[in-house]
Structures are given as C-alpha cells and as structure tokens.
Amino acid sequence: MKTKSVISVTGKDNVGIIAKVSNICAEYGANIIDISQTVLQDYFAMIMIVEIDALTLPFTDFVDKVAMLGKENGLEIHAMHEDIFDSMHKI
C-alpha cells in the first residue's frame, strides 16, 4: 500500500497556483493521485492527495518546502501525513 499525504492550499486566487504546487510535488517525487479545487469569490481552496513513497528528501523537509512555497506566494500550504490526518478525523 502506498504512503500518502494530504496537501491543503488556501489563499487569494491567482494565476498559476495549481502549477506551482504541482511543480514542487514533481520536483521532490510526490505523485499527485487526486485533486479538488474551487474558487469562492476571490478565494482559492485546494486539497491534493499525493503518494510520498518516492520523495527525494525526508517528508519533514517536504512539509517545510511546500510551506515556504505558500509564504512566497501569499498562500497557506500544509502537507500532512495520511496517518496524522486519519487520526485527527476519527471520532
């Protein structure tokens, strides 16, 4: 079974958000397997599910890289390991 991460992206809508996040995933070996995005008025929201077995750097460093991409582009980008995500959403 593949190891996954949930990446969430929120912020003001702008051209190229999906491309920038997709590019950083490709750069570090995260394979996008599902994506959902929407724009509500001027606000962008996206959730991606990525496989992280082939990452070329430790997952914690990948988390930092996507967060930095967010800061550089006025977005909030968070990557969370699927185990943590699942644990947070169990009742």
PDB file of N, CA and C in Angstrom:
ATOM      1  N   MET A   1       0.843  -1.182   0.000  1.00  0.00           N
ATOM      2  CA  MET A   1       0.000   0.000   0.000  1.00  0.00           C
ATOM      3  C   MET A   1       0.888   1.246   0.000  1.00  0.00           C
ATOM      4  N   LYS A   2       0.554   2.205  -0.826  1.00  0.00           N
ATOM      5  CA  LYS A   2       1.335   3.432  -0.960  1.00  0.00           C
ATOM      6  C   LYS A   2       1.101   4.359   0.231  1.00  0.00           C
ATOM      7  N   THR A   3       2.145   5.075   0.627  1.00  0.00           N
ATOM      8  CA  THR A   3       2.048   6.069   1.689  1.00  0.00           C
ATOM      9  C   THR A   3       1.611   7.389   1.070  1.00  0.00           C
ATOM     10  N   LYS A   4       0.653   8.048   1.732  1.00  0.00           N
ATOM     11  CA  LYS A   4       0.083   9.269   1.166  1.00  0.00           C
ATOM     12  C   LYS A   4       0.193  10.443   2.123  1.00  0.00           C
ATOM     13  N   SER A   5       0.020  11.623   1.527  1.00  0.00           N
ATOM     14  CA  SER A   5      -0.038  12.873   2.271  1.00  0.00           C
ATOM     15  C   SER A   5      -1.199  13.695   1.730  1.00  0.00           C
ATOM     16  N   VAL A   6      -1.789  14.494   2.605  1.00  0.00           N
ATOM     17  CA  VAL A   6      -2.839  15.427   2.217  1.00  0.00           C
ATOM     18  C   VAL A   6      -2.215  16.817   2.197  1.00  0.00           C
ATOM     19  N   ILE A   7      -2.328  17.495   1.055  1.00  0.00           N
ATOM     20  CA  ILE A   7      -1.825  18.859   0.930  1.00  0.00           C
ATOM     21  C   ILE A   7      -3.016  19.791   0.780  1.00  0.00           C
ATOM     22  N   SER A   8      -3.092  20.795   1.643  1.00  0.00           N
ATOM     23  CA  SER A   8      -4.165  21.789   1.534  1.00  0.00           C
ATOM     24  C   SER A   8      -3.556  23.132   1.169  1.00  0.00           C
ATOM     25  N   VAL A   9      -4.274  23.854   0.306  1.00  0.00           N
ATOM     26  CA  VAL A   9      -3.813  25.157  -0.171  1.00  0.00           C
ATOM     27  C   VAL A   9      -4.982  26.134  -0.082  1.00  0.00           C
ATOM     28  N   THR A  10      -4.791  27.254   0.589  1.00  0.00           N
ATOM     29  CA  THR A  10      -5.824  28.286   0.663  1.00  0.00           C
ATOM     30  C   THR A  10      -5.185  29.660   0.507  1.00  0.00           C
ATOM     31  N   GLY A  11      -5.974  30.593  -0.022  1.00  0.00           N
ATOM     32  CA  GLY A  11      -5.498  31.965  -0.157  1.00  0.00           C
ATOM     33  C   GLY A  11      -6.243  32.693  -1.247  1.00  0.00           C
ATOM     34  N   LYS A  12      -5.820  33.913  -1.516  1.00  0.00           N
ATOM     35  CA  LYS A  12      -6.417  34.710  -2.589  1.00  0.00           C
ATOM     36  C   LYS A  12      -6.136  34.029  -3.920  1.00  0.00           C
ATOM     37  N   ASP A  13      -7.144  33.988  -4.789  1.00  0.00           N
ATOM     38  CA  ASP A  13      -6.975  33.360  -6.089  1.00  0.00           C
ATOM     39  C   ASP A  13      -5.959  34.132  -6.923  1.00  0.00           C
ATOM     40  N   ASN A  14      -5.171  33.381  -7.670  1.00  0.00           N
ATOM     41  CA  ASN A  14      -4.133  33.949  -8.514  1.00  0.00           C
ATOM     42  C   ASN A  14      -3.818  32.964  -9.626  1.00  0.00           C
ATOM     43  N   VAL A  15      -3.331  33.439 -10.731  1.00  0.00           N
ATOM     44  CA  VAL A  15      -2.948  32.566 -11.829  1.00  0.00           C
ATOM     45  C   VAL A  15      -1.740  31.722 -11.427  1.00  0.00           C
ATOM     46  N   GLY A  16      -1.789  30.415 -11.702  1.00  0.00           N
ATOM     47  CA  GLY A  16      -0.625  29.556 -11.532  1.00  0.00           C
ATOM     48  C   GLY A  16      -0.498  28.816 -10.222  1.00  0.00           C
ATOM     49  N   ILE A  17      -1.486  28.895  -9.346  1.00  0.00           N
ATOM     50  CA  ILE A  17      -1.362  28.217  -8.045  1.00  0.00           C
ATOM     51  C   ILE A  17      -1.223  26.712  -8.236  1.00  0.00           C
ATOM     52  N   ILE A  18      -2.103  26.121  -9.017  1.00  0.00           N
ATOM     53  CA  ILE A  18      -2.048  24.667  -9.216  1.00  0.00           C
ATOM     54  C   ILE A  18      -0.714  24.278  -9.852  1.00  0.00           C
ATOM     55  N   ALA A  19      -0.256  25.054 -10.817  1.00  0.00           N
ATOM     56  CA  ALA A  19       1.018  24.758 -11.478  1.00  0.00           C
ATOM     57  C   ALA A  19       2.182  24.791 -10.488  1.00  0.00           C
ATOM     58  N   LYS A  20       2.210  25.797  -9.618  1.00  0.00           N
ATOM     59  CA  LYS A  20       3.315  25.924  -8.662  1.00  0.00           C
ATOM     60  C   LYS A  20       3.341  24.757  -7.684  1.00  0.00           C
ATOM     61  N   VAL A  21       2.164  24.376  -7.181  1.00  0.00           N
ATOM     62  CA  VAL A  21       2.112  23.272  -6.220  1.00  0.00           C
ATOM     63  C   VAL A  21       2.432  21.949  -6.934  1.00  0.00           C
ATOM     64  N   SER A  22       1.905  21.773  -8.133  1.00  0.00           N
ATOM     65  CA  SER A  22       2.207  20.564  -8.917  1.00  0.00           C
ATOM     66  C   SER A  22       3.701  20.467  -9.210  1.00  0.00           C
ATOM     67  N   ASN A  23       4.311  21.585  -9.552  1.00  0.00           N
ATOM     68  CA  ASN A  23       5.745  21.587  -9.861  1.00  0.00           C
ATOM     69  C   ASN A  23       6.595  21.186  -8.669  1.00  0.00           C
ATOM     70  N   ILE A  24       6.261  21.687  -7.481  1.00  0.00           N
ATOM     71  CA  ILE A  24       7.068  21.328  -6.310  1.00  0.00           C
ATOM     72  C   ILE A  24       6.870  19.851  -5.965  1.00  0.00           C
ATOM     73  N   CYS A  25       5.664  19.338  -6.189  1.00  0.00           N
ATOM     74  CA  CYS A  25       5.436  17.907  -5.974  1.00  0.00           C
ATOM     75  C   CYS A  25       6.305  17.092  -6.928  1.00  0.00           C
ATOM     76  N   ALA A  26       6.302  17.453  -8.199  1.00  0.00           N
ATOM     77  CA  ALA A  26       7.102  16.742  -9.205  1.00  0.00           C
ATOM     78  C   ALA A  26       8.592  16.857  -8.896  1.00  0.00           C
ATOM     79  N   GLU A  27       9.023  18.038  -8.485  1.00  0.00           N
ATOM     80  CA  GLU A  27      10.441  18.267  -8.194  1.00  0.00           C
ATOM     81  C   GLU A  27      10.961  17.324  -7.123  1.00  0.00           C
ATOM     82  N   TYR A  28      10.141  17.014  -6.119  1.00  0.00           N
ATOM     83  CA  TYR A  28      10.593  16.190  -4.997  1.00  0.00           C
ATOM     84  C   TYR A  28      10.019  14.779  -5.001  1.00  0.00           C
ATOM     85  N   GLY A  29       9.347  14.382  -6.086  1.00  0.00           N
ATOM     86  CA  GLY A  29       8.920  12.995  -6.234  1.00  0.00           C
ATOM     87  C   GLY A  29       7.582  12.637  -5.614  1.00  0.00           C
ATOM     88  N   ALA A  30       6.759  13.621  -5.294  1.00  0.00           N
ATOM     89  CA  ALA A  30       5.416  13.345  -4.768  1.00  0.00           C
ATOM     90  C   ALA A  30       4.462  13.189  -5.962  1.00  0.00           C
ATOM     91  N   ASN A  31       3.783  12.067  -6.046  1.00  0.00           N
ATOM     92  CA  ASN A  31       2.892  11.771  -7.160  1.00  0.00           C
ATOM     93  C   ASN A  31       1.457  12.163  -6.817  1.00  0.00           C
ATOM     94  N   ILE A  32       0.895  13.102  -7.551  1.00  0.00           N
ATOM     95  CA  ILE A  32      -0.480  13.546  -7.303  1.00  0.00           C
ATOM     96  C   ILE A  32      -1.445  12.472  -7.785  1.00  0.00           C
ATOM     97  N   ILE A  33      -2.300  11.985  -6.875  1.00  0.00           N
ATOM     98  CA  ILE A  33      -3.267  10.961  -7.266  1.00  0.00           C
ATOM     99  C   ILE A  33      -4.709  11.468  -7.245  1.00  0.00           C
ATOM    100  N   ASP A  34      -4.953  12.582  -6.564  1.00  0.00           N
ATOM    101  CA  ASP A  34      -6.290  13.174  -6.568  1.00  0.00           C
ATOM    102  C   ASP A  34      -6.166  14.648  -6.228  1.00  0.00           C
ATOM    103  N   ILE A  35      -7.050  15.433  -6.813  1.00  0.00           N
ATOM    104  CA  ILE A  35      -7.010  16.877  -6.585  1.00  0.00           C
ATOM    105  C   ILE A  35      -8.427  17.427  -6.681  1.00  0.00           C
ATOM    106  N   SER A  36      -8.746  18.331  -5.782  1.00  0.00           N
ATOM    107  CA  SER A  36     -10.025  19.030  -5.810  1.00  0.00           C
ATOM    108  C   SER A  36      -9.739  20.493  -5.515  1.00  0.00           C
ATOM    109  N   GLN A  37     -10.254  21.371  -6.356  1.00  0.00           N
ATOM    110  CA  GLN A  37     -10.030  22.795  -6.116  1.00  0.00           C
ATOM    111  C   GLN A  37     -11.284  23.570  -6.473  1.00  0.00           C
ATOM    112  N   THR A  38     -11.404  24.707  -5.823  1.00  0.00           N
ATOM    113  CA  THR A  38     -12.528  25.591  -6.097  1.00  0.00           C
ATOM    114  C   THR A  38     -12.122  27.028  -5.822  1.00  0.00           C
ATOM    115  N   VAL A  39     -12.852  27.935  -6.400  1.00  0.00           N
ATOM    116  CA  VAL A  39     -12.669  29.354  -6.122  1.00  0.00           C
ATOM    117  C   VAL A  39     -14.004  29.881  -5.619  1.00  0.00           C
ATOM    118  N   LEU A  40     -13.999  30.446  -4.424  1.00  0.00           N
ATOM    119  CA  LEU A  40     -15.180  31.043  -3.819  1.00  0.00           C
ATOM    120  C   LEU A  40     -14.954  32.547  -3.788  1.00  0.00           C
ATOM    121  N   GLN A  41     -15.672  33.253  -4.641  1.00  0.00           N
ATOM    122  CA  GLN A  41     -15.436  34.680  -4.858  1.00  0.00           C
ATOM    123  C   GLN A  41     -13.973  34.862  -5.240  1.00  0.00           C
ATOM    124  N   ASP A  42     -13.161  35.481  -4.398  1.00  0.00           N
ATOM    125  CA  ASP A  42     -11.745  35.685  -4.728  1.00  0.00           C
ATOM    126  C   ASP A  42     -10.818  34.721  -3.994  1.00  0.00           C
ATOM    127  N   TYR A  43     -11.368  33.717  -3.339  1.00  0.00           N
ATOM    128  CA  TYR A  43     -10.559  32.835  -2.510  1.00  0.00           C
ATOM    129  C   TYR A  43     -10.415  31.458  -3.142  1.00  0.00           C
ATOM    130  N   PHE A  44      -9.174  30.987  -3.154  1.00  0.00           N
ATOM    131  CA  PHE A  44      -8.810  29.705  -3.744  1.00  0.00           C
ATOM    132  C   PHE A  44      -8.685  28.668  -2.633  1.00  0.00           C
ATOM    133  N   ALA A  45      -9.202  27.468  -2.878  1.00  0.00           N
ATOM    134  CA  ALA A  45      -9.044  26.361  -1.938  1.00  0.00           C
ATOM    135  C   ALA A  45      -8.779  25.082  -2.724  1.00  0.00           C
ATOM    136  N   MET A  46      -7.795  24.320  -2.283  1.00  0.00           N
ATOM    137  CA  MET A  46      -7.450  23.079  -2.971  1.00  0.00           C
ATOM    138  C   MET A  46      -6.999  22.038  -1.958  1.00  0.00           C
ATOM    139  N   ILE A  47      -7.379  20.796  -2.231  1.00  0.00           N
ATOM    140  CA  ILE A  47      -6.871  19.661  -1.466  1.00  0.00           C
ATOM    141  C   ILE A  47      -6.309  18.671  -2.477  1.00  0.00           C
ATOM    142  N   MET A  48      -5.106  18.211  -2.211  1.00  0.00           N
ATOM    143  CA  MET A  48      -4.455  17.212  -3.051  1.00  0.00           C
ATOM    144  C   MET A  48      -4.115  16.003  -2.200  1.00  0.00           C
ATOM    145  N   ILE A  49      -4.242  14.831  -2.794  1.00  0.00           N
ATOM    146  CA  ILE A  49      -3.731  13.607  -2.185  1.00  0.00           C
ATOM    147  C   ILE A  49      -2.524  13.206  -3.020  1.00  0.00           C
ATOM    148  N   VAL A  50      -1.382  13.041  -2.371  1.00  0.00           N
ATOM    149  CA  VAL A  50      -0.160  12.676  -3.087  1.00  0.00           C
ATOM    150  C   VAL A  50       0.466  11.433  -2.460  1.00  0.00           C
ATOM    151  N   GLU A  51       1.066  10.609  -3.309  1.00  0.00           N
ATOM    152  CA  GLU A  51       1.853   9.472  -2.830  1.00  0.00           C
ATOM    153  C   GLU A  51       3.257   9.977  -2.548  1.00  0.00           C
ATOM    154  N   ILE A  52       3.803   9.585  -1.391  1.00  0.00           N
ATOM    155  CA  ILE A  52       5.094  10.141  -0.974  1.00  0.00           C
ATOM    156  C   ILE A  52       6.187   9.084  -0.833  1.00  0.00           C
ATOM    157  N   ASP A  53       5.950   7.878  -1.323  1.00  0.00           N
ATOM    158  CA  ASP A  53       6.964   6.820  -1.208  1.00  0.00           C
ATOM    159  C   ASP A  53       8.249   7.157  -1.960  1.00  0.00           C
ATOM    160  N   ALA A  54       8.152   7.918  -3.035  1.00  0.00           N
ATOM    161  CA  ALA A  54       9.324   8.207  -3.871  1.00  0.00           C
ATOM    162  C   ALA A  54       9.920   9.586  -3.596  1.00  0.00           C
ATOM    163  N   LEU A  55       9.581  10.199  -2.465  1.00  0.00           N
ATOM    164  CA  LEU A  55      10.156  11.517  -2.156  1.00  0.00           C
ATOM    165  C   LEU A  55      11.681  11.451  -2.188  1.00  0.00           C
ATOM    166  N   THR A  56      12.284  12.498  -2.689  1.00  0.00           N
ATOM    167  CA  THR A  56      13.741  12.561  -2.781  1.00  0.00           C
ATOM    168  C   THR A  56      14.369  13.283  -1.590  1.00  0.00           C
ATOM    169  N   LEU A  57      13.554  13.577  -0.592  1.00  0.00           N
ATOM    170  CA  LEU A  57      14.024  14.209   0.639  1.00  0.00           C
ATOM    171  C   LEU A  57      13.108  13.719   1.763  1.00  0.00           C
ATOM    172  N   PRO A  58      13.529  13.879   3.017  1.00  0.00           N
ATOM    173  CA  PRO A  58      12.663  13.446   4.125  1.00  0.00           C
ATOM    174  C   PRO A  58      11.311  14.179   4.091  1.00  0.00           C
ATOM    175  N   PHE A  59      10.254  13.495   4.533  1.00  0.00           N
ATOM    176  CA  PHE A  59       8.915  14.082   4.494  1.00  0.00           C
ATOM    177  C   PHE A  59       8.857  15.403   5.252  1.00  0.00           C
ATOM    178  N   THR A  60       9.528  15.499   6.391  1.00  0.00           N
ATOM    179  CA  THR A  60       9.502  16.748   7.170  1.00  0.00           C
ATOM    180  C   THR A  60      10.092  17.912   6.367  1.00  0.00           C
ATOM    181  N   ASP A  61      11.100  17.623   5.552  1.00  0.00           N
ATOM    182  CA  ASP A  61      11.676  18.670   4.698  1.00  0.00           C
ATOM    183  C   ASP A  61      10.702  19.051   3.584  1.00  0.00           C
ATOM    184  N   PHE A  62       9.981  18.067   3.054  1.00  0.00           N
ATOM    185  CA  PHE A  62       8.963  18.345   2.036  1.00  0.00           C
ATOM    186  C   PHE A  62       7.874  19.250   2.609  1.00  0.00           C
ATOM    187  N   VAL A  63       7.460  18.970   3.839  1.00  0.00           N
ATOM    188  CA  VAL A  63       6.469  19.811   4.525  1.00  0.00           C
ATOM    189  C   VAL A  63       6.964  21.252   4.584  1.00  0.00           C
ATOM    190  N   ASP A  64       8.230  21.437   4.946  1.00  0.00           N
ATOM    191  CA  ASP A  64       8.812  22.778   5.027  1.00  0.00           C
ATOM    192  C   ASP A  64       8.880  23.449   3.652  1.00  0.00           C
ATOM    193  N   LYS A  65       9.223  22.680   2.622  1.00  0.00           N
ATOM    194  CA  LYS A  65       9.327  23.228   1.260  1.00  0.00           C
ATOM    195  C   LYS A  65       7.975  23.744   0.764  1.00  0.00           C
ATOM    196  N   VAL A  66       6.901  22.969   0.986  1.00  0.00           N
ATOM    197  CA  VAL A  66       5.592  23.420   0.498  1.00  0.00           C
ATOM    198  C   VAL A  66       5.088  24.602   1.319  1.00  0.00           C
ATOM    199  N   ALA A  67       5.385  24.599   2.608  1.00  0.00           N
ATOM    200  CA  ALA A  67       5.000  25.745   3.451  1.00  0.00           C
ATOM    201  C   ALA A  67       5.716  27.012   2.984  1.00  0.00           C
ATOM    202  N   MET A  68       6.997  26.897   2.637  1.00  0.00           N
ATOM    203  CA  MET A  68       7.764  28.045   2.154  1.00  0.00           C
ATOM    204  C   MET A  68       7.213  28.528   0.816  1.00  0.00           C
ATOM    205  N   LEU A  69       6.841  27.616  -0.062  1.00  0.00           N
ATOM    206  CA  LEU A  69       6.214  27.995  -1.330  1.00  0.00           C
ATOM    207  C   LEU A  69       4.962  28.822  -1.048  1.00  0.00           C
ATOM    208  N   GLY A  70       4.193  28.404  -0.059  1.00  0.00           N
ATOM    209  CA  GLY A  70       2.997  29.156   0.318  1.00  0.00           C
ATOM    210  C   GLY A  70       3.343  30.563   0.766  1.00  0.00           C
ATOM    211  N   LYS A  71       4.308  30.682   1.664  1.00  0.00           N
ATOM    212  CA  LYS A  71       4.710  32.002   2.169  1.00  0.00           C
ATOM    213  C   LYS A  71       5.174  32.908   1.040  1.00  0.00           C
ATOM    214  N   GLU A  72       5.922  32.349   0.103  1.00  0.00           N
ATOM    215  CA  GLU A  72       6.451  33.139  -1.015  1.00  0.00           C
ATOM    216  C   GLU A  72       5.347  33.630  -1.948  1.00  0.00           C
ATOM    217  N   ASN A  73       4.186  32.965  -1.898  1.00  0.00           N
ATOM    218  CA  ASN A  73       3.102  33.280  -2.827  1.00  0.00           C
ATOM    219  C   ASN A  73       1.831  33.765  -2.134  1.00  0.00           C
ATOM    220  N   GLY A  74       1.921  34.116  -0.870  1.00  0.00           N
ATOM    221  CA  GLY A  74       0.764  34.632  -0.139  1.00  0.00           C
ATOM    222  C   GLY A  74      -0.319  33.599   0.089  1.00  0.00           C
ATOM    223  N   LEU A  75       0.091  32.336   0.246  1.00  0.00           N
ATOM    224  CA  LEU A  75      -0.855  31.230   0.438  1.00  0.00           C
ATOM    225  C   LEU A  75      -0.527  30.488   1.735  1.00  0.00           C
ATOM    226  N   GLU A  76      -1.500  29.742   2.201  1.00  0.00           N
ATOM    227  CA  GLU A  76      -1.268  28.800   3.290  1.00  0.00           C
ATOM    228  C   GLU A  76      -1.235  27.422   2.657  1.00  0.00           C
ATOM    229  N   ILE A  77      -0.084  26.759   2.715  1.00  0.00           N
ATOM    230  CA  ILE A  77       0.049  25.407   2.172  1.00  0.00           C
ATOM    231  C   ILE A  77       0.541  24.504   3.290  1.00  0.00           C
ATOM    232  N   HIS A  78      -0.217  23.429   3.524  1.00  0.00           N
ATOM    233  CA  HIS A  78       0.128  22.479   4.580  1.00  0.00           C
ATOM    234  C   HIS A  78       0.124  21.069   4.002  1.00  0.00           C
ATOM    235  N   ALA A  79       1.171  20.314   4.308  1.00  0.00           N
ATOM    236  CA  ALA A  79       1.233  18.903   3.945  1.00  0.00           C
ATOM    237  C   ALA A  79       1.182  18.101   5.238  1.00  0.00           C
ATOM    238  N   MET A  80       0.300  17.109   5.270  1.00  0.00           N
ATOM    239  CA  MET A  80       0.119  16.305   6.470  1.00  0.00           C
ATOM    240  C   MET A  80       0.150  14.826   6.082  1.00  0.00           C
ATOM    241  N   HIS A  81       0.924  14.048   6.807  1.00  0.00           N
ATOM    242  CA  HIS A  81       0.982  12.612   6.558  1.00  0.00           C
ATOM    243  C   HIS A  81      -0.403  12.013   6.757  1.00  0.00           C
ATOM    244  N   GLU A  82      -0.768  11.045   5.923  1.00  0.00           N
ATOM    245  CA  GLU A  82      -2.114  10.469   5.991  1.00  0.00           C
ATOM    246  C   GLU A  82      -2.433   9.877   7.363  1.00  0.00           C
ATOM    247  N   ASP A  83      -1.442   9.318   8.069  1.00  0.00           N
ATOM    248  CA  ASP A  83      -1.697   8.736   9.386  1.00  0.00           C
ATOM    249  C   ASP A  83      -2.156   9.802  10.375  1.00  0.00           C
ATOM    250  N   ILE A  84      -1.527  10.966  10.337  1.00  0.00           N
ATOM    251  CA  ILE A  84      -1.921  12.070  11.219  1.00  0.00           C
ATOM    252  C   ILE A  84      -3.305  12.568  10.827  1.00  0.00           C
ATOM    253  N   PHE A  85      -3.512  12.768   9.530  1.00  0.00           N
ATOM    254  CA  PHE A  85      -4.803  13.240   9.033  1.00  0.00           C
ATOM    255  C   PHE A  85      -5.928  12.290   9.463  1.00  0.00           C
ATOM    256  N   ASP A  86      -5.711  10.989   9.274  1.00  0.00           N
ATOM    257  CA  ASP A  86      -6.727   9.993   9.649  1.00  0.00           C
ATOM    258  C   ASP A  86      -6.991  10.017  11.156  1.00  0.00           C
ATOM    259  N   SER A  87      -5.938  10.122  11.952  1.00  0.00           N
ATOM    260  CA  SER A  87      -6.092  10.146  13.403  1.00  0.00           C
ATOM    261  C   SER A  87      -6.876  11.363  13.873  1.00  0.00           C
ATOM    262  N   MET A  88      -6.665  12.500  13.210  1.00  0.00           N
ATOM    263  CA  MET A  88      -7.353  13.734  13.602  1.00  0.00           C
ATOM    264  C   MET A  88      -8.846  13.675  13.284  1.00  0.00           C
ATOM    265  N   HIS A  89      -9.227  12.833  12.346  1.00  0.00           N
ATOM    266  CA  HIS A  89     -10.618  12.828  11.884  1.00  0.00           C
ATOM    267  C   HIS A  89     -11.387  11.577  12.314  1.00  0.00           C
ATOM    268  N   LYS A  90     -10.861  10.861  13.302  1.00  0.00           N
ATOM    269  CA  LYS A  90     -11.595   9.738  13.874  1.00  0.00           C
ATOM    270  C   LYS A  90     -12.386  10.230  15.074  1.00  0.00           C
ATOM    271  N   ILE A  91     -13.556   9.688  15.221  1.00  0.00           N
ATOM    272  CA  ILE A  91     -14.391  10.077  16.368  1.00  0.00           C
ATOM    273  C   ILE A  91     -14.203   9.091  17.494  1.00  0.00           C
TER     274      ILE A  91
END
